[in-house]
Amino acid sequence: MSQSGAPLRRDVAEHITGRIVDGRLPAAVRINEVHLAAELGVSRTPLREALVELADRGLLVAEPNRGFRVPPLDLDEARKLYPLVGELEALALRWTAPQDLLGLLDRLEQQAEQMEAVLEGGGDLSVLDDNWHGLLLSACANAHLMRLIVQTKPLLKRYDVLYFGGPERARRSLDEHRRILAAIRAQDLNEAARQLTQNWANGAAYLGCDPR
């Protein structure tokens, strides 16, 4: 990471977010800033700026005189996050011009077909699912709303990595995606937004399963 200033801070924050989401930075353990800075090849200043940013976003907890730690998993928090993300994404869908959504349909359907093939092959759909939702919202013109979505979803992904997965959930989610596309093709944006909200709300039904 050889850049400087804000771009470097964002790169560091993104890298740390990845470690939080996949568990490489475990919950309740204090982050060793000296070791982490050395691993990332950056100075303490951009690292500290990134840690403060992530604490502001809820991905870390700042403790006076003790530094930063990853907050513990809380299923009650997750049960609130899934419908929240659904409402935010549905709002972004409504902020998108209908003709722009129609222009995305072919690519969205191609991605759904790719997801179908990966599912039939026993693969993991988590990254493809993220990409599908990203493409669905890519034409939303409300930058403030999109920034809020981007900042909120990593809070949810921690639970997705540990508690969710398996062909049953993937199949149901894929079917829900196809219903969203059908509503867009019928130019029924309210139904598409309703299906999108339901897609996320259904994720809460899988909470409480044993971690993978």
N, C-alpha and C. Protein backbone atom coordinates (compact mmCIF):
# COMPACT_ATOMS: atom_id res chain seq x y z
N MET A 1 0.85 -1.18 0.00
CA MET A 1 0.00 0.00 0.00
C MET A 1 0.89 1.24 0.00
N SER A 2 1.12 1.80 -1.16
CA SER A 2 2.08 2.89 -1.27
C SER A 2 1.44 4.24 -1.45
N GLN A 3 0.10 4.29 -1.52
CA GLN A 3 -0.56 5.57 -1.70
C GLN A 3 -0.50 6.36 -0.41
N SER A 4 -0.96 7.61 -0.47
CA SER A 4 -0.93 8.45 0.71
C SER A 4 -2.26 9.14 0.87
N GLY A 5 -2.51 9.66 2.11
CA GLY A 5 -3.72 10.43 2.34
C GLY A 5 -4.96 9.58 2.41
N ALA A 6 -6.08 10.21 2.02
CA ALA A 6 -7.38 9.55 2.14
C ALA A 6 -7.46 8.24 1.37
N PRO A 7 -6.94 8.15 0.13
CA PRO A 7 -7.01 6.85 -0.56
C PRO A 7 -6.35 5.72 0.23
N LEU A 8 -5.22 6.00 0.88
CA LEU A 8 -4.55 4.98 1.67
C LEU A 8 -5.41 4.59 2.87
N ARG A 9 -6.01 5.57 3.53
CA ARG A 9 -6.87 5.27 4.66
C ARG A 9 -8.03 4.37 4.25
N ARG A 10 -8.61 4.69 3.09
CA ARG A 10 -9.72 3.87 2.61
C ARG A 10 -9.26 2.45 2.29
N ASP A 11 -8.09 2.31 1.69
CA ASP A 11 -7.55 0.98 1.40
C ASP A 11 -7.35 0.18 2.68
N VAL A 12 -6.77 0.84 3.69
CA VAL A 12 -6.53 0.17 4.96
C VAL A 12 -7.85 -0.22 5.61
N ALA A 13 -8.82 0.70 5.60
CA ALA A 13 -10.13 0.41 6.19
C ALA A 13 -10.80 -0.76 5.48
N GLU A 14 -10.68 -0.82 4.16
CA GLU A 14 -11.28 -1.92 3.41
C GLU A 14 -10.62 -3.24 3.76
N HIS A 15 -9.30 -3.22 3.90
CA HIS A 15 -8.57 -4.45 4.22
C HIS A 15 -8.95 -4.94 5.62
N ILE A 16 -9.02 -4.02 6.57
CA ILE A 16 -9.38 -4.41 7.93
C ILE A 16 -10.81 -4.92 7.97
N THR A 17 -11.70 -4.29 7.20
CA THR A 17 -13.09 -4.75 7.14
C THR A 17 -13.14 -6.21 6.69
N GLY A 18 -12.34 -6.55 5.67
CA GLY A 18 -12.29 -7.93 5.21
C GLY A 18 -11.86 -8.88 6.30
N ARG A 19 -10.90 -8.47 7.12
CA ARG A 19 -10.43 -9.32 8.21
C ARG A 19 -11.49 -9.48 9.30
N ILE A 20 -12.25 -8.42 9.53
CA ILE A 20 -13.33 -8.50 10.52
C ILE A 20 -14.42 -9.44 10.03
N VAL A 21 -14.80 -9.29 8.77
CA VAL A 21 -15.90 -10.08 8.21
C VAL A 21 -15.57 -11.57 8.20
N ASP A 22 -14.34 -11.91 7.80
CA ASP A 22 -14.03 -13.34 7.68
C ASP A 22 -13.44 -13.94 8.97
N GLY A 23 -13.35 -13.13 10.02
CA GLY A 23 -12.95 -13.66 11.31
C GLY A 23 -11.46 -13.67 11.59
N ARG A 24 -10.65 -13.16 10.67
CA ARG A 24 -9.22 -13.11 10.95
C ARG A 24 -8.90 -12.16 12.10
N LEU A 25 -9.76 -11.17 12.31
CA LEU A 25 -9.71 -10.34 13.52
C LEU A 25 -10.87 -10.79 14.39
N PRO A 26 -10.65 -11.66 15.35
CA PRO A 26 -11.74 -12.24 16.13
C PRO A 26 -12.36 -11.25 17.09
N ALA A 27 -13.58 -11.52 17.47
CA ALA A 27 -14.32 -10.67 18.39
C ALA A 27 -13.65 -10.66 19.76
N ALA A 28 -13.72 -9.51 20.41
CA ALA A 28 -13.31 -9.30 21.81
C ALA A 28 -11.80 -9.26 22.00
N VAL A 29 -11.01 -9.49 20.95
CA VAL A 29 -9.56 -9.43 21.08
C VAL A 29 -9.07 -8.04 20.69
N ARG A 30 -8.24 -7.45 21.53
CA ARG A 30 -7.73 -6.11 21.25
C ARG A 30 -6.81 -6.14 20.04
N ILE A 31 -6.95 -5.19 19.16
CA ILE A 31 -6.12 -5.11 17.96
C ILE A 31 -4.74 -4.59 18.33
N ASN A 32 -3.74 -5.32 17.94
CA ASN A 32 -2.36 -4.89 18.15
C ASN A 32 -1.97 -4.00 16.97
N GLU A 33 -1.99 -2.70 17.19
CA GLU A 33 -1.78 -1.75 16.10
C GLU A 33 -0.37 -1.84 15.53
N VAL A 34 0.61 -2.12 16.35
CA VAL A 34 2.00 -2.22 15.86
C VAL A 34 2.11 -3.40 14.90
N HIS A 35 1.60 -4.54 15.30
CA HIS A 35 1.68 -5.73 14.45
C HIS A 35 0.85 -5.56 13.17
N LEU A 36 -0.35 -4.99 13.31
CA LEU A 36 -1.21 -4.83 12.15
C LEU A 36 -0.62 -3.85 11.15
N ALA A 37 -0.02 -2.76 11.65
CA ALA A 37 0.62 -1.80 10.75
C ALA A 37 1.76 -2.46 9.99
N ALA A 38 2.53 -3.30 10.67
CA ALA A 38 3.63 -3.99 10.01
C ALA A 38 3.12 -4.97 8.96
N GLU A 39 2.05 -5.70 9.28
CA GLU A 39 1.48 -6.65 8.32
C GLU A 39 0.98 -5.95 7.07
N LEU A 40 0.37 -4.78 7.25
CA LEU A 40 -0.19 -4.06 6.11
C LEU A 40 0.84 -3.19 5.40
N GLY A 41 1.99 -3.00 6.01
CA GLY A 41 3.04 -2.19 5.40
C GLY A 41 2.72 -0.71 5.39
N VAL A 42 2.06 -0.23 6.45
CA VAL A 42 1.69 1.19 6.54
C VAL A 42 2.17 1.74 7.88
N SER A 43 2.17 3.05 7.99
CA SER A 43 2.53 3.69 9.24
C SER A 43 1.34 3.69 10.19
N ARG A 44 1.57 4.06 11.44
CA ARG A 44 0.50 4.06 12.42
C ARG A 44 -0.57 5.11 12.12
N THR A 45 -0.20 6.20 11.45
CA THR A 45 -1.17 7.28 11.23
C THR A 45 -2.35 6.85 10.36
N PRO A 46 -2.12 6.34 9.13
CA PRO A 46 -3.28 5.91 8.33
C PRO A 46 -4.01 4.73 8.97
N LEU A 47 -3.27 3.88 9.70
CA LEU A 47 -3.93 2.77 10.38
C LEU A 47 -4.87 3.29 11.45
N ARG A 48 -4.40 4.22 12.26
CA ARG A 48 -5.26 4.77 13.31
C ARG A 48 -6.47 5.49 12.71
N GLU A 49 -6.27 6.22 11.61
CA GLU A 49 -7.39 6.89 10.95
C GLU A 49 -8.43 5.88 10.47
N ALA A 50 -7.96 4.76 9.92
CA ALA A 50 -8.87 3.73 9.44
C ALA A 50 -9.61 3.09 10.61
N LEU A 51 -8.93 2.84 11.71
CA LEU A 51 -9.56 2.24 12.87
C LEU A 51 -10.64 3.15 13.45
N VAL A 52 -10.36 4.44 13.50
CA VAL A 52 -11.35 5.39 13.99
C VAL A 52 -12.57 5.40 13.08
N GLU A 53 -12.33 5.37 11.76
CA GLU A 53 -13.44 5.34 10.81
C GLU A 53 -14.30 4.09 11.01
N LEU A 54 -13.67 2.95 11.19
CA LEU A 54 -14.41 1.70 11.37
C LEU A 54 -15.16 1.68 12.70
N ALA A 55 -14.59 2.33 13.72
CA ALA A 55 -15.32 2.44 14.99
C ALA A 55 -16.55 3.31 14.82
N ASP A 56 -16.43 4.38 14.04
CA ASP A 56 -17.59 5.23 13.76
C ASP A 56 -18.69 4.46 13.05
N ARG A 57 -18.31 3.49 12.24
CA ARG A 57 -19.27 2.70 11.47
C ARG A 57 -19.80 1.49 12.23
N GLY A 58 -19.29 1.25 13.44
CA GLY A 58 -19.78 0.15 14.25
C GLY A 58 -19.07 -1.16 14.07
N LEU A 59 -18.05 -1.20 13.22
CA LEU A 59 -17.31 -2.44 13.00
C LEU A 59 -16.26 -2.69 14.07
N LEU A 60 -15.88 -1.64 14.78
CA LEU A 60 -14.94 -1.76 15.89
C LEU A 60 -15.48 -1.00 17.09
N VAL A 61 -14.94 -1.33 18.26
CA VAL A 61 -15.24 -0.60 19.48
C VAL A 61 -13.95 0.06 19.94
N ALA A 62 -14.02 1.37 20.20
CA ALA A 62 -12.87 2.11 20.72
C ALA A 62 -12.95 2.16 22.24
N GLU A 63 -11.90 1.73 22.91
CA GLU A 63 -11.86 1.72 24.36
C GLU A 63 -10.78 2.68 24.84
N PRO A 64 -11.13 3.65 25.66
CA PRO A 64 -10.14 4.63 26.13
C PRO A 64 -8.91 3.95 26.75
N ASN A 65 -7.76 4.37 26.27
CA ASN A 65 -6.47 3.88 26.79
C ASN A 65 -6.22 2.39 26.52
N ARG A 66 -7.10 1.77 25.74
CA ARG A 66 -6.90 0.34 25.45
C ARG A 66 -6.94 0.05 23.95
N GLY A 67 -7.27 1.01 23.13
CA GLY A 67 -7.26 0.81 21.69
C GLY A 67 -8.59 0.33 21.15
N PHE A 68 -8.53 -0.58 20.20
CA PHE A 68 -9.73 -1.01 19.47
C PHE A 68 -9.88 -2.52 19.54
N ARG A 69 -11.13 -2.96 19.50
CA ARG A 69 -11.42 -4.39 19.43
C ARG A 69 -12.65 -4.59 18.56
N VAL A 70 -12.79 -5.82 18.05
CA VAL A 70 -13.98 -6.18 17.28
C VAL A 70 -15.10 -6.49 18.27
N PRO A 71 -16.28 -5.90 18.11
CA PRO A 71 -17.37 -6.18 19.04
C PRO A 71 -17.82 -7.63 18.94
N PRO A 72 -18.37 -8.18 20.01
CA PRO A 72 -18.85 -9.57 19.97
C PRO A 72 -20.07 -9.69 19.06
N LEU A 73 -20.28 -10.88 18.54
CA LEU A 73 -21.46 -11.14 17.73
C LEU A 73 -22.71 -11.08 18.61
N ASP A 74 -23.77 -10.53 18.06
CA ASP A 74 -25.02 -10.35 18.79
C ASP A 74 -26.16 -10.67 17.83
N LEU A 75 -26.81 -11.81 18.03
CA LEU A 75 -27.86 -12.22 17.11
C LEU A 75 -29.04 -11.26 17.09
N ASP A 76 -29.29 -10.60 18.21
CA ASP A 76 -30.36 -9.60 18.21
C ASP A 76 -30.01 -8.45 17.27
N GLU A 77 -28.73 -8.06 17.26
CA GLU A 77 -28.30 -7.03 16.31
C GLU A 77 -28.51 -7.50 14.88
N ALA A 78 -28.16 -8.75 14.61
CA ALA A 78 -28.31 -9.27 13.25
C ALA A 78 -29.76 -9.29 12.82
N ARG A 79 -30.65 -9.64 13.72
CA ARG A 79 -32.07 -9.68 13.38
C ARG A 79 -32.62 -8.30 13.04
N LYS A 80 -31.95 -7.27 13.51
CA LYS A 80 -32.33 -5.90 13.16
C LYS A 80 -31.65 -5.45 11.87
N LEU A 81 -30.43 -5.95 11.63
CA LEU A 81 -29.67 -5.49 10.48
C LEU A 81 -30.25 -6.00 9.16
N TYR A 82 -30.70 -7.25 9.14
CA TYR A 82 -31.18 -7.79 7.87
C TYR A 82 -32.38 -7.02 7.32
N PRO A 83 -33.44 -6.80 8.10
CA PRO A 83 -34.54 -5.99 7.55
C PRO A 83 -34.14 -4.55 7.29
N LEU A 84 -33.19 -4.02 8.06
CA LEU A 84 -32.73 -2.65 7.82
C LEU A 84 -32.08 -2.54 6.45
N VAL A 85 -31.17 -3.47 6.14
CA VAL A 85 -30.53 -3.45 4.82
C VAL A 85 -31.57 -3.62 3.73
N GLY A 86 -32.57 -4.48 3.98
CA GLY A 86 -33.63 -4.65 2.99
C GLY A 86 -34.38 -3.36 2.72
N GLU A 87 -34.70 -2.61 3.76
CA GLU A 87 -35.42 -1.35 3.58
C GLU A 87 -34.54 -0.33 2.85
N LEU A 88 -33.27 -0.29 3.17
CA LEU A 88 -32.36 0.65 2.50
C LEU A 88 -32.22 0.31 1.02
N GLU A 89 -32.06 -0.98 0.71
CA GLU A 89 -31.93 -1.36 -0.69
C GLU A 89 -33.24 -1.13 -1.45
N ALA A 90 -34.37 -1.39 -0.81
CA ALA A 90 -35.65 -1.14 -1.46
C ALA A 90 -35.82 0.35 -1.76
N LEU A 91 -35.38 1.19 -0.84
CA LEU A 91 -35.44 2.63 -1.07
C LEU A 91 -34.55 3.02 -2.25
N ALA A 92 -33.34 2.42 -2.32
CA ALA A 92 -32.45 2.70 -3.45
C ALA A 92 -33.07 2.25 -4.76
N LEU A 93 -33.79 1.13 -4.72
CA LEU A 93 -34.46 0.65 -5.93
C LEU A 93 -35.50 1.66 -6.40
N ARG A 94 -36.24 2.21 -5.45
CA ARG A 94 -37.27 3.18 -5.79
C ARG A 94 -36.67 4.49 -6.30
N TRP A 95 -35.42 4.77 -5.91
CA TRP A 95 -34.74 5.98 -6.37
C TRP A 95 -34.11 5.79 -7.75
N THR A 96 -34.21 4.61 -8.30
CA THR A 96 -33.62 4.32 -9.61
C THR A 96 -34.66 4.51 -10.70
N ALA A 97 -34.26 5.15 -11.79
CA ALA A 97 -35.19 5.36 -12.89
C ALA A 97 -35.60 4.02 -13.50
N PRO A 98 -36.90 3.81 -13.75
CA PRO A 98 -37.36 2.52 -14.29
C PRO A 98 -36.64 2.11 -15.56
N GLN A 99 -36.35 3.05 -16.44
CA GLN A 99 -35.66 2.68 -17.68
C GLN A 99 -34.24 2.20 -17.42
N ASP A 100 -33.62 2.73 -16.36
CA ASP A 100 -32.28 2.27 -16.01
C ASP A 100 -32.33 0.84 -15.47
N LEU A 101 -33.36 0.53 -14.69
CA LEU A 101 -33.51 -0.83 -14.19
C LEU A 101 -33.75 -1.82 -15.33
N LEU A 102 -34.59 -1.41 -16.28
CA LEU A 102 -34.83 -2.28 -17.43
C LEU A 102 -33.53 -2.53 -18.21
N GLY A 103 -32.68 -1.52 -18.24
CA GLY A 103 -31.41 -1.68 -18.93
C GLY A 103 -30.45 -2.63 -18.24
N LEU A 104 -30.69 -2.89 -16.96
CA LEU A 104 -29.83 -3.81 -16.21
C LEU A 104 -30.33 -5.25 -16.24
N LEU A 105 -31.55 -5.45 -16.73
CA LEU A 105 -32.20 -6.76 -16.60
C LEU A 105 -31.38 -7.90 -17.20
N ASP A 106 -30.90 -7.72 -18.42
CA ASP A 106 -30.17 -8.81 -19.08
C ASP A 106 -28.95 -9.24 -18.25
N ARG A 107 -28.21 -8.27 -17.75
CA ARG A 107 -27.02 -8.59 -16.95
C ARG A 107 -27.40 -9.23 -15.62
N LEU A 108 -28.49 -8.75 -15.02
CA LEU A 108 -28.95 -9.35 -13.77
C LEU A 108 -29.39 -10.79 -13.99
N GLU A 109 -30.06 -11.04 -15.08
CA GLU A 109 -30.50 -12.41 -15.37
C GLU A 109 -29.32 -13.31 -15.69
N GLN A 110 -28.32 -12.77 -16.38
CA GLN A 110 -27.11 -13.55 -16.65
C GLN A 110 -26.41 -13.93 -15.34
N GLN A 111 -26.34 -12.98 -14.41
CA GLN A 111 -25.72 -13.27 -13.12
C GLN A 111 -26.54 -14.30 -12.35
N ALA A 112 -27.87 -14.22 -12.44
CA ALA A 112 -28.72 -15.21 -11.77
C ALA A 112 -28.47 -16.60 -12.35
N GLU A 113 -28.29 -16.68 -13.66
CA GLU A 113 -27.99 -17.96 -14.29
C GLU A 113 -26.63 -18.49 -13.83
N GLN A 114 -25.67 -17.60 -13.70
CA GLN A 114 -24.36 -18.01 -13.19
C GLN A 114 -24.48 -18.54 -11.76
N MET A 115 -25.28 -17.87 -10.95
CA MET A 115 -25.51 -18.32 -9.58
C MET A 115 -26.16 -19.70 -9.57
N GLU A 116 -27.10 -19.91 -10.48
CA GLU A 116 -27.76 -21.21 -10.60
C GLU A 116 -26.74 -22.31 -10.90
N ALA A 117 -25.83 -22.02 -11.83
CA ALA A 117 -24.83 -23.01 -12.20
C ALA A 117 -23.89 -23.31 -11.04
N VAL A 118 -23.47 -22.27 -10.33
CA VAL A 118 -22.59 -22.47 -9.18
C VAL A 118 -23.30 -23.26 -8.09
N LEU A 119 -24.58 -22.95 -7.86
CA LEU A 119 -25.35 -23.67 -6.86
C LEU A 119 -25.46 -25.15 -7.21
N GLU A 120 -25.75 -25.43 -8.48
CA GLU A 120 -25.86 -26.84 -8.91
C GLU A 120 -24.53 -27.57 -8.75
N GLY A 121 -23.44 -26.82 -8.85
CA GLY A 121 -22.12 -27.43 -8.68
C GLY A 121 -21.66 -27.50 -7.24
N GLY A 122 -22.51 -27.08 -6.32
CA GLY A 122 -22.17 -27.15 -4.90
C GLY A 122 -21.29 -26.02 -4.42
N GLY A 123 -21.19 -24.93 -5.21
CA GLY A 123 -20.33 -23.81 -4.83
C GLY A 123 -21.02 -22.82 -3.90
N ASP A 124 -20.23 -21.88 -3.43
CA ASP A 124 -20.71 -20.84 -2.51
C ASP A 124 -21.17 -19.63 -3.31
N LEU A 125 -22.34 -19.10 -2.94
CA LEU A 125 -22.93 -17.98 -3.69
C LEU A 125 -22.71 -16.63 -3.03
N SER A 126 -22.00 -16.55 -1.93
CA SER A 126 -21.95 -15.31 -1.16
C SER A 126 -21.40 -14.14 -1.98
N VAL A 127 -20.29 -14.36 -2.68
CA VAL A 127 -19.71 -13.27 -3.46
C VAL A 127 -20.61 -12.92 -4.65
N LEU A 128 -21.14 -13.93 -5.33
CA LEU A 128 -22.03 -13.69 -6.46
C LEU A 128 -23.30 -12.97 -6.01
N ASP A 129 -23.79 -13.31 -4.83
CA ASP A 129 -24.97 -12.64 -4.30
C ASP A 129 -24.68 -11.18 -4.04
N ASP A 130 -23.53 -10.89 -3.44
CA ASP A 130 -23.14 -9.49 -3.23
C ASP A 130 -23.06 -8.74 -4.55
N ASN A 131 -22.48 -9.39 -5.56
CA ASN A 131 -22.34 -8.75 -6.87
C ASN A 131 -23.70 -8.49 -7.50
N TRP A 132 -24.63 -9.43 -7.33
CA TRP A 132 -25.97 -9.27 -7.90
C TRP A 132 -26.68 -8.08 -7.29
N HIS A 133 -26.64 -7.98 -5.97
CA HIS A 133 -27.27 -6.84 -5.30
C HIS A 133 -26.58 -5.54 -5.68
N GLY A 134 -25.26 -5.57 -5.81
CA GLY A 134 -24.54 -4.37 -6.22
C GLY A 134 -24.95 -3.90 -7.59
N LEU A 135 -25.11 -4.84 -8.52
CA LEU A 135 -25.53 -4.48 -9.87
C LEU A 135 -26.96 -3.96 -9.86
N LEU A 136 -27.83 -4.58 -9.07
CA LEU A 136 -29.22 -4.15 -9.00
C LEU A 136 -29.33 -2.68 -8.60
N LEU A 137 -28.46 -2.24 -7.70
CA LEU A 137 -28.53 -0.88 -7.19
C LEU A 137 -27.57 0.08 -7.87
N SER A 138 -26.87 -0.40 -8.88
CA SER A 138 -25.77 0.38 -9.47
C SER A 138 -26.23 1.64 -10.18
N ALA A 139 -27.51 1.73 -10.54
CA ALA A 139 -28.00 2.91 -11.25
C ALA A 139 -28.70 3.90 -10.33
N CYS A 140 -28.70 3.62 -9.03
CA CYS A 140 -29.32 4.55 -8.07
C CYS A 140 -28.54 5.85 -8.04
N ALA A 141 -29.26 6.97 -8.17
CA ALA A 141 -28.60 8.27 -8.27
C ALA A 141 -28.40 8.95 -6.92
N ASN A 142 -28.86 8.31 -5.83
CA ASN A 142 -28.75 8.93 -4.51
C ASN A 142 -27.45 8.46 -3.85
N ALA A 143 -26.40 9.26 -3.99
CA ALA A 143 -25.08 8.86 -3.49
C ALA A 143 -25.07 8.73 -1.98
N HIS A 144 -25.83 9.56 -1.27
CA HIS A 144 -25.84 9.48 0.19
C HIS A 144 -26.46 8.17 0.66
N LEU A 145 -27.53 7.75 0.01
CA LEU A 145 -28.17 6.49 0.36
C LEU A 145 -27.24 5.32 0.06
N MET A 146 -26.58 5.35 -1.08
CA MET A 146 -25.69 4.26 -1.44
C MET A 146 -24.51 4.17 -0.47
N ARG A 147 -24.03 5.31 -0.02
CA ARG A 147 -22.93 5.32 0.95
C ARG A 147 -23.39 4.66 2.26
N LEU A 148 -24.61 4.93 2.67
CA LEU A 148 -25.15 4.34 3.88
C LEU A 148 -25.26 2.82 3.74
N ILE A 149 -25.69 2.36 2.58
CA ILE A 149 -25.80 0.92 2.34
C ILE A 149 -24.42 0.26 2.41
N VAL A 150 -23.45 0.87 1.75
CA VAL A 150 -22.09 0.32 1.73
C VAL A 150 -21.51 0.25 3.13
N GLN A 151 -21.82 1.22 3.95
CA GLN A 151 -21.28 1.24 5.31
C GLN A 151 -21.99 0.26 6.24
N THR A 152 -23.25 -0.04 5.95
CA THR A 152 -24.04 -0.90 6.83
C THR A 152 -23.85 -2.38 6.54
N LYS A 153 -23.71 -2.75 5.28
CA LYS A 153 -23.69 -4.17 4.93
C LYS A 153 -22.54 -4.96 5.56
N PRO A 154 -21.34 -4.40 5.76
CA PRO A 154 -20.31 -5.21 6.41
C PRO A 154 -20.68 -5.63 7.83
N LEU A 155 -21.50 -4.83 8.53
CA LEU A 155 -21.95 -5.23 9.86
C LEU A 155 -22.72 -6.54 9.78
N LEU A 156 -23.46 -6.69 8.72
CA LEU A 156 -24.29 -7.88 8.50
C LEU A 156 -23.46 -9.06 8.01
N LYS A 157 -22.43 -8.80 7.21
CA LYS A 157 -21.67 -9.89 6.60
C LYS A 157 -20.94 -10.74 7.64
N ARG A 158 -20.64 -10.17 8.82
CA ARG A 158 -20.01 -10.97 9.86
C ARG A 158 -20.88 -12.17 10.22
N TYR A 159 -22.18 -11.96 10.28
CA TYR A 159 -23.12 -13.02 10.63
C TYR A 159 -23.32 -13.96 9.45
N ASP A 160 -23.31 -13.41 8.26
CA ASP A 160 -23.50 -14.22 7.07
C ASP A 160 -22.40 -15.27 6.96
N VAL A 161 -21.17 -14.86 7.24
CA VAL A 161 -20.04 -15.77 7.14
C VAL A 161 -20.15 -16.91 8.14
N LEU A 162 -20.61 -16.62 9.36
CA LEU A 162 -20.61 -17.61 10.43
C LEU A 162 -21.86 -18.47 10.50
N TYR A 163 -23.01 -17.87 10.22
CA TYR A 163 -24.26 -18.55 10.53
C TYR A 163 -25.04 -19.04 9.32
N PHE A 164 -24.72 -18.50 8.16
CA PHE A 164 -25.57 -18.82 7.02
C PHE A 164 -24.83 -19.67 6.00
N GLY A 165 -25.61 -20.18 5.07
CA GLY A 165 -25.04 -20.96 4.00
C GLY A 165 -25.87 -22.20 3.74
N GLY A 166 -25.44 -22.96 2.77
CA GLY A 166 -26.14 -24.19 2.46
C GLY A 166 -27.08 -24.01 1.28
N PRO A 167 -27.38 -25.12 0.61
CA PRO A 167 -28.16 -25.05 -0.63
C PRO A 167 -29.60 -24.60 -0.42
N GLU A 168 -30.20 -24.89 0.73
CA GLU A 168 -31.60 -24.51 0.92
C GLU A 168 -31.76 -23.00 0.94
N ARG A 169 -30.94 -22.34 1.71
CA ARG A 169 -31.03 -20.89 1.76
C ARG A 169 -30.68 -20.28 0.41
N ALA A 170 -29.63 -20.82 -0.22
CA ALA A 170 -29.21 -20.28 -1.51
C ALA A 170 -30.31 -20.43 -2.56
N ARG A 171 -30.97 -21.57 -2.56
CA ARG A 171 -32.05 -21.79 -3.53
C ARG A 171 -33.20 -20.83 -3.30
N ARG A 172 -33.58 -20.64 -2.05
CA ARG A 172 -34.67 -19.71 -1.76
C ARG A 172 -34.30 -18.29 -2.15
N SER A 173 -33.07 -17.90 -1.86
CA SER A 173 -32.63 -16.55 -2.19
C SER A 173 -32.63 -16.34 -3.70
N LEU A 174 -32.19 -17.35 -4.43
CA LEU A 174 -32.15 -17.24 -5.89
C LEU A 174 -33.57 -17.13 -6.46
N ASP A 175 -34.50 -17.88 -5.90
CA ASP A 175 -35.89 -17.77 -6.33
C ASP A 175 -36.43 -16.37 -6.06
N GLU A 176 -36.05 -15.80 -4.93
CA GLU A 176 -36.49 -14.45 -4.60
C GLU A 176 -35.89 -13.43 -5.57
N HIS A 177 -34.65 -13.65 -5.97
CA HIS A 177 -34.03 -12.77 -6.97
C HIS A 177 -34.82 -12.79 -8.27
N ARG A 178 -35.24 -13.97 -8.66
CA ARG A 178 -35.98 -14.08 -9.92
C ARG A 178 -37.34 -13.38 -9.83
N ARG A 179 -37.95 -13.40 -8.65
CA ARG A 179 -39.21 -12.68 -8.48
C ARG A 179 -38.99 -11.17 -8.55
N ILE A 180 -37.88 -10.71 -8.04
CA ILE A 180 -37.53 -9.29 -8.16
C ILE A 180 -37.39 -8.91 -9.62
N LEU A 181 -36.69 -9.73 -10.38
CA LEU A 181 -36.49 -9.45 -11.81
C LEU A 181 -37.81 -9.48 -12.57
N ALA A 182 -38.68 -10.42 -12.22
CA ALA A 182 -39.97 -10.49 -12.89
C ALA A 182 -40.78 -9.22 -12.64
N ALA A 183 -40.73 -8.70 -11.43
CA ALA A 183 -41.46 -7.48 -11.11
C ALA A 183 -40.88 -6.28 -11.86
N ILE A 184 -39.56 -6.24 -11.99
CA ILE A 184 -38.94 -5.15 -12.75
C ILE A 184 -39.34 -5.23 -14.21
N ARG A 185 -39.31 -6.44 -14.76
CA ARG A 185 -39.69 -6.60 -16.15
C ARG A 185 -41.15 -6.20 -16.39
N ALA A 186 -42.01 -6.42 -15.40
CA ALA A 186 -43.41 -6.02 -15.49
C ALA A 186 -43.59 -4.55 -15.16
N GLN A 187 -42.49 -3.86 -14.86
CA GLN A 187 -42.48 -2.44 -14.52
C GLN A 187 -43.34 -2.16 -13.28
N ASP A 188 -43.31 -3.10 -12.35
CA ASP A 188 -44.00 -2.93 -11.08
C ASP A 188 -42.93 -2.72 -10.01
N LEU A 189 -42.50 -1.46 -9.88
CA LEU A 189 -41.39 -1.15 -9.00
C LEU A 189 -41.75 -1.38 -7.53
N ASN A 190 -43.01 -1.14 -7.17
CA ASN A 190 -43.42 -1.38 -5.79
C ASN A 190 -43.30 -2.85 -5.42
N GLU A 191 -43.70 -3.73 -6.34
CA GLU A 191 -43.59 -5.16 -6.08
C GLU A 191 -42.12 -5.58 -6.04
N ALA A 192 -41.30 -5.03 -6.92
CA ALA A 192 -39.88 -5.35 -6.90
C ALA A 192 -39.25 -4.94 -5.57
N ALA A 193 -39.61 -3.75 -5.07
CA ALA A 193 -39.08 -3.29 -3.79
C ALA A 193 -39.59 -4.17 -2.65
N ARG A 194 -40.84 -4.60 -2.73
CA ARG A 194 -41.39 -5.48 -1.69
C ARG A 194 -40.66 -6.81 -1.67
N GLN A 195 -40.41 -7.36 -2.84
CA GLN A 195 -39.69 -8.63 -2.92
C GLN A 195 -38.26 -8.49 -2.42
N LEU A 196 -37.64 -7.36 -2.71
CA LEU A 196 -36.27 -7.13 -2.27
C LEU A 196 -36.21 -7.04 -0.74
N THR A 197 -37.16 -6.32 -0.16
CA THR A 197 -37.23 -6.23 1.30
C THR A 197 -37.43 -7.61 1.91
N GLN A 198 -38.29 -8.42 1.30
CA GLN A 198 -38.55 -9.75 1.80
C GLN A 198 -37.33 -10.65 1.69
N ASN A 199 -36.57 -10.48 0.62
CA ASN A 199 -35.35 -11.26 0.42
C ASN A 199 -34.40 -11.10 1.61
N TRP A 200 -34.24 -9.87 2.06
CA TRP A 200 -33.37 -9.62 3.20
C TRP A 200 -34.02 -10.05 4.51
N ALA A 201 -35.31 -9.78 4.67
CA ALA A 201 -35.99 -10.16 5.90
C ALA A 201 -35.95 -11.67 6.11
N ASN A 202 -36.02 -12.44 5.03
CA ASN A 202 -35.98 -13.89 5.14
C ASN A 202 -34.65 -14.39 5.68
N GLY A 203 -33.60 -13.58 5.49
CA GLY A 203 -32.31 -13.99 6.03
C GLY A 203 -32.33 -14.17 7.53
N ALA A 204 -33.14 -13.37 8.23
CA ALA A 204 -33.21 -13.47 9.68
C ALA A 204 -33.75 -14.82 10.14
N ALA A 205 -34.50 -15.49 9.26
CA ALA A 205 -35.07 -16.79 9.62
C ALA A 205 -33.98 -17.84 9.82
N TYR A 206 -32.78 -17.59 9.28
CA TYR A 206 -31.70 -18.57 9.38
C TYR A 206 -30.79 -18.29 10.58
N LEU A 207 -31.08 -17.22 11.31
CA LEU A 207 -30.28 -16.94 12.49
C LEU A 207 -30.56 -17.99 13.58
N GLY A 208 -29.56 -18.22 14.40
CA GLY A 208 -29.72 -19.20 15.46
C GLY A 208 -29.22 -20.57 15.08
N CYS A 209 -28.88 -20.75 13.78
CA CYS A 209 -28.27 -22.01 13.37
C CYS A 209 -26.87 -22.12 13.96
N ASP A 210 -26.37 -23.32 14.06
CA ASP A 210 -25.00 -23.48 14.53
C ASP A 210 -24.05 -22.86 13.53
N PRO A 211 -23.01 -22.15 14.00
CA PRO A 211 -22.04 -21.57 13.07
C PRO A 211 -21.41 -22.64 12.22
N ARG A 212 -21.05 -22.25 10.99
CA ARG A 212 -20.40 -23.21 10.09
C ARG A 212 -19.03 -23.54 10.58
